[in-house]
Amino acid sequence: MPLQRRIPKRGFTQRNRTVYQIVNVGDLGRVEGSTVNALVLKEAGLIRSSKGLVKILATGELDGSYSVEAHKFSGGAVAKIEAAGGSTTVLKTGGSDSRKKGSKLQKKRGVEEVAAAAEAPSAETDETDG
């Protein structure tokens, strides 16, 4: 019997999965400065790549106030950071996992039509003037 039939098959790995690099709130004390982003986390050795997506989790205690920029936050992490006097910023783009090139509207109508619709003034503003 061939080897591929003898080995058990377990689980499923999704092709377009989103993989985040995890950083705990307690580890932010190892970072120098008050601004924390992917480059600073990479220099501190908390993540492997500054180009990947970063998620901040609430494990550990925070000792100072930090301004944290990441792609995703847990609810507890946001509460701990803001309770310590810091701030959180959710990054919309970047990372090696940002595969979406346009919205569904742009794919459906075309980029030129969407840009023209955004620049054209709406009819409601003209009617309210007079």
N, C-alpha and C. Protein backbone atom coordinates (compact mmCIF):
# COMPACT_ATOMS: atom_id res chain seq x y z
N MET A 1 0.85 -1.17 0.00
CA MET A 1 0.00 0.00 0.00
C MET A 1 0.90 1.24 0.00
N PRO A 2 0.57 2.27 -0.78
CA PRO A 2 1.40 3.49 -0.85
C PRO A 2 1.43 4.23 0.49
N LEU A 3 2.52 4.96 0.71
CA LEU A 3 2.72 5.67 1.96
C LEU A 3 1.62 6.70 2.21
N GLN A 4 1.17 7.39 1.17
CA GLN A 4 0.16 8.43 1.36
C GLN A 4 -1.16 7.86 1.84
N ARG A 5 -1.41 6.61 1.62
CA ARG A 5 -2.63 5.99 2.11
C ARG A 5 -2.45 5.41 3.51
N ARG A 6 -1.21 5.13 3.91
CA ARG A 6 -0.95 4.54 5.22
C ARG A 6 -0.90 5.59 6.33
N ILE A 7 -0.51 6.82 6.00
CA ILE A 7 -0.37 7.87 7.01
C ILE A 7 -1.75 8.48 7.28
N PRO A 8 -2.11 8.63 8.56
CA PRO A 8 -3.42 9.22 8.87
C PRO A 8 -3.48 10.69 8.47
N LYS A 9 -4.62 11.10 8.03
CA LYS A 9 -4.83 12.48 7.62
C LYS A 9 -5.62 13.17 8.72
N ARG A 10 -5.06 14.25 9.24
CA ARG A 10 -5.70 14.95 10.36
C ARG A 10 -5.78 16.44 10.07
N GLY A 11 -6.90 17.00 10.43
CA GLY A 11 -7.05 18.44 10.38
C GLY A 11 -7.17 19.00 8.97
N PHE A 12 -7.25 20.30 8.95
CA PHE A 12 -7.39 21.03 7.70
C PHE A 12 -6.71 22.37 7.87
N THR A 13 -5.91 22.78 6.90
CA THR A 13 -5.26 24.07 6.93
C THR A 13 -5.84 24.92 5.81
N GLN A 14 -6.44 26.02 6.19
CA GLN A 14 -7.05 26.92 5.23
C GLN A 14 -5.97 27.64 4.43
N ARG A 15 -6.17 27.78 3.14
CA ARG A 15 -5.17 28.43 2.28
C ARG A 15 -4.99 29.90 2.60
N ASN A 16 -6.06 30.63 2.72
CA ASN A 16 -6.01 32.08 2.91
C ASN A 16 -6.20 32.45 4.38
N ARG A 17 -5.58 31.72 5.27
CA ARG A 17 -5.74 32.00 6.68
C ARG A 17 -4.99 33.27 7.07
N THR A 18 -5.44 33.89 8.13
CA THR A 18 -4.80 35.09 8.64
C THR A 18 -3.98 34.69 9.86
N VAL A 19 -2.69 34.91 9.79
CA VAL A 19 -1.79 34.53 10.88
C VAL A 19 -1.27 35.80 11.54
N TYR A 20 -1.52 35.91 12.84
CA TYR A 20 -1.06 37.07 13.61
C TYR A 20 0.14 36.67 14.46
N GLN A 21 1.04 37.61 14.66
CA GLN A 21 2.13 37.45 15.61
C GLN A 21 1.63 37.97 16.95
N ILE A 22 1.69 37.13 17.97
CA ILE A 22 1.08 37.43 19.26
C ILE A 22 2.09 38.13 20.17
N VAL A 23 1.64 39.23 20.81
CA VAL A 23 2.43 39.94 21.81
C VAL A 23 1.53 40.16 23.02
N ASN A 24 2.02 39.79 24.20
CA ASN A 24 1.26 39.99 25.43
C ASN A 24 1.52 41.38 26.00
N VAL A 25 0.54 41.92 26.71
CA VAL A 25 0.66 43.25 27.30
C VAL A 25 1.82 43.28 28.30
N GLY A 26 2.03 42.19 29.02
CA GLY A 26 3.11 42.13 29.99
C GLY A 26 4.49 42.22 29.36
N ASP A 27 4.62 41.85 28.09
CA ASP A 27 5.90 41.91 27.39
C ASP A 27 6.25 43.31 26.91
N LEU A 28 5.31 44.24 26.96
CA LEU A 28 5.59 45.60 26.48
C LEU A 28 6.60 46.32 27.37
N GLY A 29 6.83 45.82 28.57
CA GLY A 29 7.83 46.40 29.46
C GLY A 29 9.24 46.22 28.94
N ARG A 30 9.45 45.27 28.05
CA ARG A 30 10.78 45.04 27.46
C ARG A 30 11.09 46.00 26.33
N VAL A 31 10.12 46.83 25.95
CA VAL A 31 10.30 47.76 24.83
C VAL A 31 10.81 49.10 25.36
N GLU A 32 11.75 49.67 24.63
CA GLU A 32 12.29 50.99 25.00
C GLU A 32 11.42 52.08 24.39
N GLY A 33 11.08 53.09 25.14
CA GLY A 33 10.26 54.20 24.65
C GLY A 33 8.80 53.98 24.95
N SER A 34 7.99 54.97 24.60
CA SER A 34 6.56 54.89 24.89
C SER A 34 5.72 54.57 23.66
N THR A 35 6.30 54.65 22.47
CA THR A 35 5.57 54.31 21.24
C THR A 35 5.95 52.90 20.83
N VAL A 36 4.93 52.06 20.64
CA VAL A 36 5.16 50.66 20.29
C VAL A 36 4.51 50.38 18.95
N ASN A 37 5.31 49.95 17.98
CA ASN A 37 4.80 49.51 16.68
C ASN A 37 5.58 48.26 16.27
N ALA A 38 5.36 47.78 15.07
CA ALA A 38 5.97 46.52 14.63
C ALA A 38 7.49 46.62 14.59
N LEU A 39 8.03 47.75 14.17
CA LEU A 39 9.48 47.88 14.10
C LEU A 39 10.12 47.83 15.49
N VAL A 40 9.49 48.48 16.46
CA VAL A 40 10.01 48.48 17.83
C VAL A 40 9.90 47.08 18.43
N LEU A 41 8.79 46.38 18.16
CA LEU A 41 8.62 45.02 18.66
C LEU A 41 9.65 44.07 18.06
N LYS A 42 9.98 44.27 16.79
CA LYS A 42 11.00 43.45 16.12
C LYS A 42 12.37 43.68 16.75
N GLU A 43 12.72 44.94 17.02
CA GLU A 43 14.01 45.25 17.64
C GLU A 43 14.11 44.68 19.05
N ALA A 44 12.98 44.61 19.77
CA ALA A 44 12.98 44.06 21.12
C ALA A 44 12.96 42.54 21.12
N GLY A 45 12.76 41.92 19.96
CA GLY A 45 12.75 40.47 19.86
C GLY A 45 11.43 39.83 20.23
N LEU A 46 10.35 40.60 20.21
CA LEU A 46 9.04 40.07 20.57
C LEU A 46 8.29 39.46 19.39
N ILE A 47 8.62 39.88 18.17
CA ILE A 47 8.03 39.29 16.97
C ILE A 47 9.14 38.93 16.00
N ARG A 48 8.84 38.07 15.05
CA ARG A 48 9.86 37.63 14.09
C ARG A 48 10.03 38.59 12.93
N SER A 49 8.91 39.12 12.42
CA SER A 49 8.98 39.97 11.24
C SER A 49 8.16 41.22 11.46
N SER A 50 8.68 42.35 11.04
CA SER A 50 7.93 43.60 11.17
C SER A 50 6.92 43.75 10.04
N LYS A 51 6.96 42.87 9.05
CA LYS A 51 6.03 42.94 7.93
C LYS A 51 4.74 42.16 8.16
N GLY A 52 4.70 41.33 9.20
CA GLY A 52 3.53 40.52 9.48
C GLY A 52 2.49 41.28 10.27
N LEU A 53 1.35 40.64 10.49
CA LEU A 53 0.27 41.20 11.27
C LEU A 53 0.53 40.96 12.75
N VAL A 54 0.18 41.94 13.59
CA VAL A 54 0.47 41.87 15.02
C VAL A 54 -0.84 41.96 15.80
N LYS A 55 -0.98 41.10 16.82
CA LYS A 55 -2.14 41.14 17.70
C LYS A 55 -1.64 41.25 19.13
N ILE A 56 -2.25 42.15 19.90
CA ILE A 56 -1.89 42.38 21.29
C ILE A 56 -2.93 41.69 22.18
N LEU A 57 -2.45 40.83 23.10
CA LEU A 57 -3.33 40.12 24.02
C LEU A 57 -3.14 40.66 25.44
N ALA A 58 -4.08 40.34 26.33
CA ALA A 58 -4.14 40.95 27.66
C ALA A 58 -3.38 40.20 28.74
N THR A 59 -2.55 39.24 28.42
CA THR A 59 -1.84 38.47 29.43
C THR A 59 -0.71 39.30 30.04
N GLY A 60 -0.68 39.38 31.35
CA GLY A 60 0.36 40.12 32.05
C GLY A 60 -0.13 41.48 32.52
N GLU A 61 0.75 42.16 33.24
CA GLU A 61 0.44 43.48 33.78
C GLU A 61 1.28 44.54 33.08
N LEU A 62 0.72 45.72 32.94
CA LEU A 62 1.38 46.83 32.26
C LEU A 62 1.95 47.78 33.31
N ASP A 63 3.22 48.16 33.15
CA ASP A 63 3.87 48.99 34.15
C ASP A 63 3.97 50.46 33.75
N GLY A 64 3.72 50.81 32.51
CA GLY A 64 3.81 52.20 32.08
C GLY A 64 2.75 52.51 31.03
N SER A 65 2.70 53.76 30.60
CA SER A 65 1.74 54.13 29.56
C SER A 65 2.42 54.06 28.20
N TYR A 66 1.79 53.39 27.27
CA TYR A 66 2.34 53.19 25.94
C TYR A 66 1.32 53.58 24.89
N SER A 67 1.81 54.07 23.78
CA SER A 67 0.99 54.30 22.60
C SER A 67 1.26 53.14 21.65
N VAL A 68 0.29 52.23 21.54
CA VAL A 68 0.50 50.96 20.85
C VAL A 68 -0.21 50.98 19.50
N GLU A 69 0.51 50.60 18.45
CA GLU A 69 -0.05 50.46 17.10
C GLU A 69 0.05 49.00 16.70
N ALA A 70 -1.10 48.38 16.41
CA ALA A 70 -1.13 46.98 16.00
C ALA A 70 -2.33 46.76 15.08
N HIS A 71 -2.38 45.58 14.47
CA HIS A 71 -3.45 45.27 13.55
C HIS A 71 -4.70 44.79 14.26
N LYS A 72 -4.53 44.22 15.47
CA LYS A 72 -5.68 43.72 16.21
C LYS A 72 -5.37 43.74 17.70
N PHE A 73 -6.40 43.98 18.52
CA PHE A 73 -6.27 44.00 19.97
C PHE A 73 -7.38 43.15 20.58
N SER A 74 -7.08 42.50 21.69
CA SER A 74 -8.16 41.85 22.44
C SER A 74 -8.82 42.93 23.30
N GLY A 75 -10.04 42.66 23.75
CA GLY A 75 -10.77 43.64 24.55
C GLY A 75 -10.07 43.94 25.87
N GLY A 76 -9.54 42.90 26.51
CA GLY A 76 -8.83 43.09 27.76
C GLY A 76 -7.55 43.89 27.59
N ALA A 77 -6.88 43.72 26.46
CA ALA A 77 -5.64 44.46 26.20
C ALA A 77 -5.93 45.95 26.07
N VAL A 78 -6.99 46.29 25.36
CA VAL A 78 -7.36 47.70 25.21
C VAL A 78 -7.68 48.30 26.57
N ALA A 79 -8.41 47.56 27.40
CA ALA A 79 -8.77 48.06 28.72
C ALA A 79 -7.53 48.29 29.58
N LYS A 80 -6.58 47.35 29.54
CA LYS A 80 -5.37 47.49 30.36
C LYS A 80 -4.49 48.64 29.88
N ILE A 81 -4.36 48.79 28.57
CA ILE A 81 -3.51 49.87 28.03
C ILE A 81 -4.11 51.23 28.36
N GLU A 82 -5.43 51.39 28.19
CA GLU A 82 -6.06 52.67 28.47
C GLU A 82 -6.13 52.95 29.96
N ALA A 83 -6.25 51.92 30.80
CA ALA A 83 -6.26 52.12 32.25
C ALA A 83 -4.89 52.61 32.74
N ALA A 84 -3.82 52.23 32.03
CA ALA A 84 -2.48 52.66 32.41
C ALA A 84 -2.15 54.04 31.85
N GLY A 85 -3.07 54.64 31.12
CA GLY A 85 -2.85 55.97 30.56
C GLY A 85 -2.33 55.96 29.14
N GLY A 86 -2.34 54.82 28.48
CA GLY A 86 -1.85 54.72 27.11
C GLY A 86 -2.97 54.83 26.09
N SER A 87 -2.61 54.61 24.84
CA SER A 87 -3.60 54.67 23.77
C SER A 87 -3.34 53.53 22.78
N THR A 88 -4.39 53.14 22.06
CA THR A 88 -4.28 52.08 21.07
C THR A 88 -4.67 52.60 19.71
N THR A 89 -3.98 52.14 18.67
CA THR A 89 -4.29 52.49 17.30
C THR A 89 -4.37 51.21 16.48
N VAL A 90 -5.51 50.99 15.82
CA VAL A 90 -5.68 49.81 14.98
C VAL A 90 -5.22 50.16 13.58
N LEU A 91 -4.26 49.40 13.07
CA LEU A 91 -3.74 49.61 11.72
C LEU A 91 -4.63 48.88 10.72
N LYS A 92 -4.99 49.54 9.65
CA LYS A 92 -5.88 48.94 8.65
C LYS A 92 -5.13 48.18 7.58
N THR A 93 -3.94 48.65 7.22
CA THR A 93 -3.21 48.03 6.13
C THR A 93 -1.86 47.57 6.61
N GLY A 94 -1.14 46.96 5.70
CA GLY A 94 0.21 46.52 6.01
C GLY A 94 0.24 45.06 6.35
N GLY A 95 1.40 44.56 6.58
CA GLY A 95 1.55 43.15 6.88
C GLY A 95 1.59 42.34 5.61
N SER A 96 2.15 41.18 5.71
CA SER A 96 2.27 40.32 4.54
C SER A 96 0.98 39.63 4.20
N ASP A 97 -0.03 39.77 5.05
CA ASP A 97 -1.28 39.05 4.83
C ASP A 97 -2.37 39.93 4.21
N SER A 98 -2.04 41.16 3.83
CA SER A 98 -3.05 42.04 3.24
C SER A 98 -3.15 41.72 1.76
N ARG A 99 -4.02 40.77 1.42
CA ARG A 99 -4.15 40.30 0.04
C ARG A 99 -5.26 41.00 -0.72
N LYS A 100 -6.14 41.66 -0.02
CA LYS A 100 -7.28 42.28 -0.68
C LYS A 100 -6.83 43.53 -1.41
N LYS A 101 -7.01 43.57 -2.70
CA LYS A 101 -6.55 44.69 -3.51
C LYS A 101 -7.60 45.77 -3.67
N GLY A 102 -8.84 45.46 -3.45
CA GLY A 102 -9.89 46.47 -3.59
C GLY A 102 -11.18 45.99 -2.97
N SER A 103 -12.10 46.89 -2.81
CA SER A 103 -13.37 46.50 -2.21
C SER A 103 -14.24 45.79 -3.24
N LYS A 104 -15.35 45.25 -2.78
CA LYS A 104 -16.26 44.56 -3.69
C LYS A 104 -16.85 45.53 -4.70
N LEU A 105 -17.07 46.78 -4.26
CA LEU A 105 -17.61 47.79 -5.16
C LEU A 105 -16.65 48.09 -6.29
N GLN A 106 -15.36 48.18 -5.98
CA GLN A 106 -14.37 48.45 -7.02
C GLN A 106 -14.27 47.28 -7.99
N LYS A 107 -14.37 46.08 -7.51
CA LYS A 107 -14.31 44.92 -8.39
C LYS A 107 -15.53 44.84 -9.29
N LYS A 108 -16.67 45.28 -8.76
CA LYS A 108 -17.91 45.16 -9.52
C LYS A 108 -18.02 46.23 -10.60
N ARG A 109 -17.73 47.48 -10.26
CA ARG A 109 -17.92 48.58 -11.19
C ARG A 109 -16.66 49.00 -11.92
N GLY A 110 -15.55 48.85 -11.32
CA GLY A 110 -14.31 49.34 -11.92
C GLY A 110 -13.79 50.52 -11.11
N VAL A 111 -12.51 50.68 -11.07
CA VAL A 111 -11.88 51.71 -10.25
C VAL A 111 -12.22 53.11 -10.74
N GLU A 112 -12.31 53.31 -12.05
CA GLU A 112 -12.58 54.64 -12.60
C GLU A 112 -13.96 55.14 -12.21
N GLU A 113 -14.96 54.26 -12.25
CA GLU A 113 -16.32 54.68 -11.92
C GLU A 113 -16.44 55.03 -10.43
N VAL A 114 -15.74 54.32 -9.59
CA VAL A 114 -15.77 54.59 -8.16
C VAL A 114 -15.12 55.94 -7.87
N ALA A 115 -14.01 56.22 -8.54
CA ALA A 115 -13.32 57.50 -8.34
C ALA A 115 -14.18 58.65 -8.85
N ALA A 116 -14.87 58.48 -9.98
CA ALA A 116 -15.73 59.52 -10.51
C ALA A 116 -16.93 59.77 -9.59
N ALA A 117 -17.46 58.71 -9.02
CA ALA A 117 -18.60 58.86 -8.11
C ALA A 117 -18.18 59.57 -6.83
N ALA A 118 -16.97 59.37 -6.39
CA ALA A 118 -16.49 60.02 -5.17
C ALA A 118 -16.26 61.51 -5.39
N GLU A 119 -15.84 61.91 -6.59
CA GLU A 119 -15.56 63.31 -6.88
C GLU A 119 -16.80 64.11 -7.22
N ALA A 120 -17.85 63.47 -7.73
CA ALA A 120 -19.05 64.17 -8.16
C ALA A 120 -19.82 64.67 -6.94
N PRO A 121 -20.30 65.92 -6.97
CA PRO A 121 -21.10 66.43 -5.84
C PRO A 121 -22.47 65.76 -5.83
N SER A 122 -23.00 65.59 -4.64
CA SER A 122 -24.30 64.94 -4.53
C SER A 122 -25.41 65.93 -4.86
N ALA A 123 -26.58 65.42 -5.28
CA ALA A 123 -27.70 66.26 -5.67
C ALA A 123 -28.36 66.89 -4.45
N GLU A 124 -28.24 66.29 -3.28
CA GLU A 124 -28.87 66.82 -2.08
C GLU A 124 -28.25 68.13 -1.64
N THR A 125 -26.97 68.34 -1.83
CA THR A 125 -26.34 69.58 -1.41
C THR A 125 -26.75 70.73 -2.29
N ASP A 126 -27.04 70.48 -3.58
CA ASP A 126 -27.46 71.53 -4.49
C ASP A 126 -28.87 72.02 -4.17
N GLU A 127 -29.73 71.09 -3.76
CA GLU A 127 -31.12 71.46 -3.47
C GLU A 127 -31.24 72.25 -2.18
N THR A 128 -30.38 72.01 -1.23
CA THR A 128 -30.50 72.70 0.06
C THR A 128 -30.02 74.14 0.00
N ASP A 129 -29.26 74.52 -1.05
CA ASP A 129 -28.75 75.87 -1.17
C ASP A 129 -29.87 76.86 -1.53
N GLY A 130 -30.82 76.44 -2.29
CA GLY A 130 -31.77 77.40 -2.82
C GLY A 130 -33.09 77.23 -2.29
